[in-house]
Amino acid sequence: MTTSPSETLSKADSVLPRFDWDDERKRKYLSYRLCGFGRDEARKFAGGIDVKTIYNWRQQDEEFQSIEQTNLLTLQRTFSEQVVNLDFTRNFKLALELDFRVLVKANEASQNVNATQLTKEEREYLIKIRPLYTPAAFAALQDMFAGLGAVTGWDEVLAMRKPDGSVTVAARKNT
């Protein structure tokens, strides 16, 4: 799953400082610049802004000039990190949901509860994900999210079933 251009531009716009600008075209232009587009591409995609208009903005608006010519690299670094963090977290959530569905189906099949047998693809997927659910992997995830400064607000429960049938449960409450 990828981020659409409009989602990326919205994220870029949120990184830009909030100025009291009358012309939204400035924000749109800078959003494109922040996403890595060159000046000509940004002008084109922001609605065909004339070169003279950009020149006038630079001459008349110190904040615009500062962002476009001085602070753009710093903002791009900040923005890149935010997009990667948001996209990783979103995609990770989807992967965990898929894992959950396969694990529940496997558990039900093993206990003959609403027994729907796993498909070949689900069995192969289960074989691949089982080694990922270890206490060490869980601790690494906690460290990673702590390093991001993330406050998830989630209740997290990890249940591990061993081949002998015993179950280990680890829980953590985030507030």
Protein backbone atom coordinates (compact mmCIF):
# COMPACT_ATOMS: atom_id res chain seq x y z
CA MET A 1 0.00 0.00 0.00
CA THR A 2 1.36 3.39 -0.94
CA THR A 3 0.53 6.89 0.07
CA SER A 4 -1.47 8.81 -2.52
CA PRO A 5 -0.10 12.14 -3.79
CA SER A 6 -2.93 14.04 -2.04
CA GLU A 7 -2.17 12.31 1.29
CA THR A 8 1.50 13.13 0.94
CA LEU A 9 0.74 16.77 0.11
CA SER A 10 -1.56 17.03 3.12
CA LYS A 11 1.22 15.68 5.31
CA ALA A 12 3.67 18.10 3.70
CA ASP A 13 1.32 21.01 4.28
CA SER A 14 1.05 20.07 7.96
CA VAL A 15 4.85 20.38 8.33
CA LEU A 16 4.94 23.90 6.90
CA PRO A 17 4.81 26.71 9.44
CA ARG A 18 1.38 28.30 9.71
CA PHE A 19 1.56 31.76 8.22
CA ASP A 20 -1.26 34.20 7.69
CA TRP A 21 -1.01 34.07 3.92
CA ASP A 22 -3.83 35.28 1.72
CA ASP A 23 -2.62 33.23 -1.24
CA GLU A 24 -3.04 29.47 -0.72
CA ARG A 25 -0.98 28.95 -3.87
CA LYS A 26 2.12 29.68 -1.78
CA ARG A 27 1.34 26.81 0.55
CA LYS A 28 0.58 24.48 -2.34
CA TYR A 29 3.81 25.44 -4.12
CA LEU A 30 5.86 24.94 -0.95
CA SER A 31 4.11 21.62 -0.26
CA TYR A 32 5.26 20.35 -3.64
CA ARG A 33 8.78 21.66 -3.00
CA LEU A 34 8.77 19.92 0.37
CA CYS A 35 7.87 16.65 -1.36
CA GLY A 36 11.02 16.91 -3.45
CA PHE A 37 9.66 18.49 -6.62
CA GLY A 38 11.89 21.00 -8.39
CA ARG A 39 10.84 24.62 -8.75
CA ASP A 40 9.42 24.19 -12.26
CA GLU A 41 7.48 21.05 -11.33
CA ALA A 42 6.12 22.67 -8.17
CA ARG A 43 4.98 25.73 -10.14
CA LYS A 44 3.25 23.51 -12.70
CA PHE A 45 1.52 21.23 -10.18
CA ALA A 46 0.48 24.11 -7.93
CA GLY A 47 -1.71 25.47 -10.69
CA GLY A 48 0.68 26.84 -13.27
CA ILE A 49 2.15 29.62 -11.16
CA ASP A 50 4.15 32.08 -13.23
CA VAL A 51 7.91 32.43 -12.62
CA LYS A 52 7.40 36.15 -12.01
CA THR A 53 4.88 35.38 -9.27
CA ILE A 54 7.39 33.17 -7.46
CA TYR A 55 10.02 35.90 -7.86
CA ASN A 56 7.61 38.48 -6.40
CA TRP A 57 6.81 36.20 -3.46
CA ARG A 58 10.52 35.89 -2.71
CA GLN A 59 10.98 39.67 -2.86
CA GLN A 60 7.87 40.61 -0.86
CA ASP A 61 7.52 37.79 1.67
CA GLU A 62 10.53 37.13 3.90
CA GLU A 63 8.90 34.04 5.45
CA PHE A 64 8.29 32.52 2.03
CA GLN A 65 11.84 33.29 0.94
CA SER A 66 13.25 31.84 4.16
CA ILE A 67 11.36 28.58 3.73
CA GLU A 68 11.96 28.20 0.01
CA GLN A 69 15.62 29.11 -0.05
CA THR A 70 16.96 28.42 3.43
CA ASN A 71 14.78 26.13 5.54
CA LEU A 72 13.53 23.76 2.85
CA LEU A 73 16.18 21.09 3.46
CA THR A 74 15.52 21.06 7.21
CA LEU A 75 11.77 20.83 6.64
CA GLN A 76 12.27 18.03 4.08
CA ARG A 77 14.22 16.01 6.64
CA THR A 78 11.51 16.50 9.25
CA PHE A 79 8.81 15.72 6.73
CA SER A 80 10.53 12.60 5.40
CA GLU A 81 10.81 11.19 8.92
CA GLN A 82 7.14 11.92 9.64
CA VAL A 83 5.93 10.31 6.41
CA VAL A 84 8.05 7.21 6.98
CA ASN A 85 6.81 6.92 10.59
CA LEU A 86 3.15 7.40 9.62
CA ASP A 87 3.29 5.04 6.66
CA PHE A 88 5.23 2.39 8.60
CA THR A 89 2.77 2.51 11.50
CA ARG A 90 -0.23 2.33 9.16
CA ASN A 91 1.19 -0.57 7.16
CA PHE A 92 2.32 -2.36 10.32
CA LYS A 93 -1.23 -2.15 11.69
CA LEU A 94 -2.58 -3.76 8.50
CA ALA A 95 0.04 -6.52 8.69
CA LEU A 96 -0.90 -7.21 12.31
CA GLU A 97 -4.59 -7.44 11.37
CA LEU A 98 -3.77 -10.01 8.70
CA ASP A 99 -1.62 -11.94 11.17
CA PHE A 100 -4.48 -11.86 13.67
CA ARG A 101 -7.04 -13.24 11.19
CA VAL A 102 -4.75 -16.11 10.18
CA LEU A 103 -3.80 -16.88 13.79
CA VAL A 104 -7.45 -16.93 14.93
CA LYS A 105 -8.41 -19.21 12.06
CA ALA A 106 -5.48 -21.54 12.84
CA ASN A 107 -6.41 -21.60 16.53
CA GLU A 108 -10.07 -22.38 15.79
CA ALA A 109 -9.08 -25.12 13.34
CA SER A 110 -6.78 -26.70 15.93
CA GLN A 111 -9.60 -26.74 18.49
CA ASN A 112 -12.35 -27.68 16.01
CA VAL A 113 -14.26 -24.50 16.90
CA ASN A 114 -16.10 -23.28 13.81
CA ALA A 115 -13.45 -25.34 12.08
CA THR A 116 -12.57 -23.82 8.76
CA GLN A 117 -9.37 -25.36 7.55
CA LEU A 118 -6.50 -23.12 6.58
CA THR A 119 -5.81 -22.74 2.90
CA LYS A 120 -2.39 -23.65 1.57
CA GLU A 121 -1.50 -19.94 1.38
CA GLU A 122 -2.63 -19.36 4.98
CA ARG A 123 -0.57 -22.33 6.21
CA GLU A 124 2.50 -20.99 4.39
CA TYR A 125 1.86 -17.53 5.81
CA LEU A 126 1.47 -18.96 9.32
CA ILE A 127 4.79 -20.78 9.00
CA LYS A 128 6.47 -17.50 8.02
CA ILE A 129 4.96 -15.35 10.79
CA ARG A 130 5.30 -17.71 13.73
CA PRO A 131 9.02 -17.03 14.25
CA LEU A 132 8.22 -13.31 14.40
CA TYR A 133 6.10 -13.67 17.54
CA THR A 134 8.77 -14.05 20.20
CA PRO A 135 9.31 -12.16 23.44
CA ALA A 136 12.49 -10.70 21.92
CA ALA A 137 10.59 -9.43 18.87
CA PHE A 138 7.93 -7.93 21.13
CA ALA A 139 10.59 -6.17 23.23
CA ALA A 140 12.23 -4.85 20.05
CA LEU A 141 8.90 -3.41 18.89
CA GLN A 142 8.37 -1.74 22.25
CA ASP A 143 11.84 -0.23 22.06
CA MET A 144 11.25 0.95 18.51
CA PHE A 145 7.97 2.68 19.35
CA ALA A 146 9.46 4.15 22.51
CA GLY A 147 12.27 5.55 20.35
CA LEU A 148 9.69 7.22 18.13
CA GLY A 149 8.18 8.85 21.17
CA ALA A 150 4.90 7.19 20.31
CA VAL A 151 2.14 7.14 22.84
CA THR A 152 -0.15 4.56 21.36
CA GLY A 153 -2.96 4.53 23.90
CA TRP A 154 -3.47 0.88 23.03
CA ASP A 155 -3.95 -2.07 25.31
CA GLU A 156 -1.52 -4.65 24.00
CA VAL A 157 -1.84 -8.35 24.62
CA LEU A 158 0.42 -11.00 23.17
CA ALA A 159 -0.63 -14.62 23.59
CA MET A 160 1.80 -17.35 22.58
CA ARG A 161 0.74 -20.96 22.31
CA LYS A 162 3.47 -23.56 22.49
CA PRO A 163 3.28 -26.91 20.69
CA ASP A 164 2.54 -28.62 24.03
CA GLY A 165 -0.65 -26.54 24.29
CA SER A 166 0.51 -24.19 27.03
CA VAL A 167 -0.23 -20.51 26.53
CA THR A 168 1.87 -17.56 27.63
CA VAL A 169 0.21 -14.16 27.80
CA ALA A 170 1.97 -10.81 28.08
CA ALA A 171 -0.06 -7.64 28.51
CA ARG A 172 0.73 -3.96 28.68
CA LYS A 173 -1.55 -1.01 29.25
CA ASN A 174 -0.54 2.28 27.66
CA THR A 175 -2.21 5.44 28.79
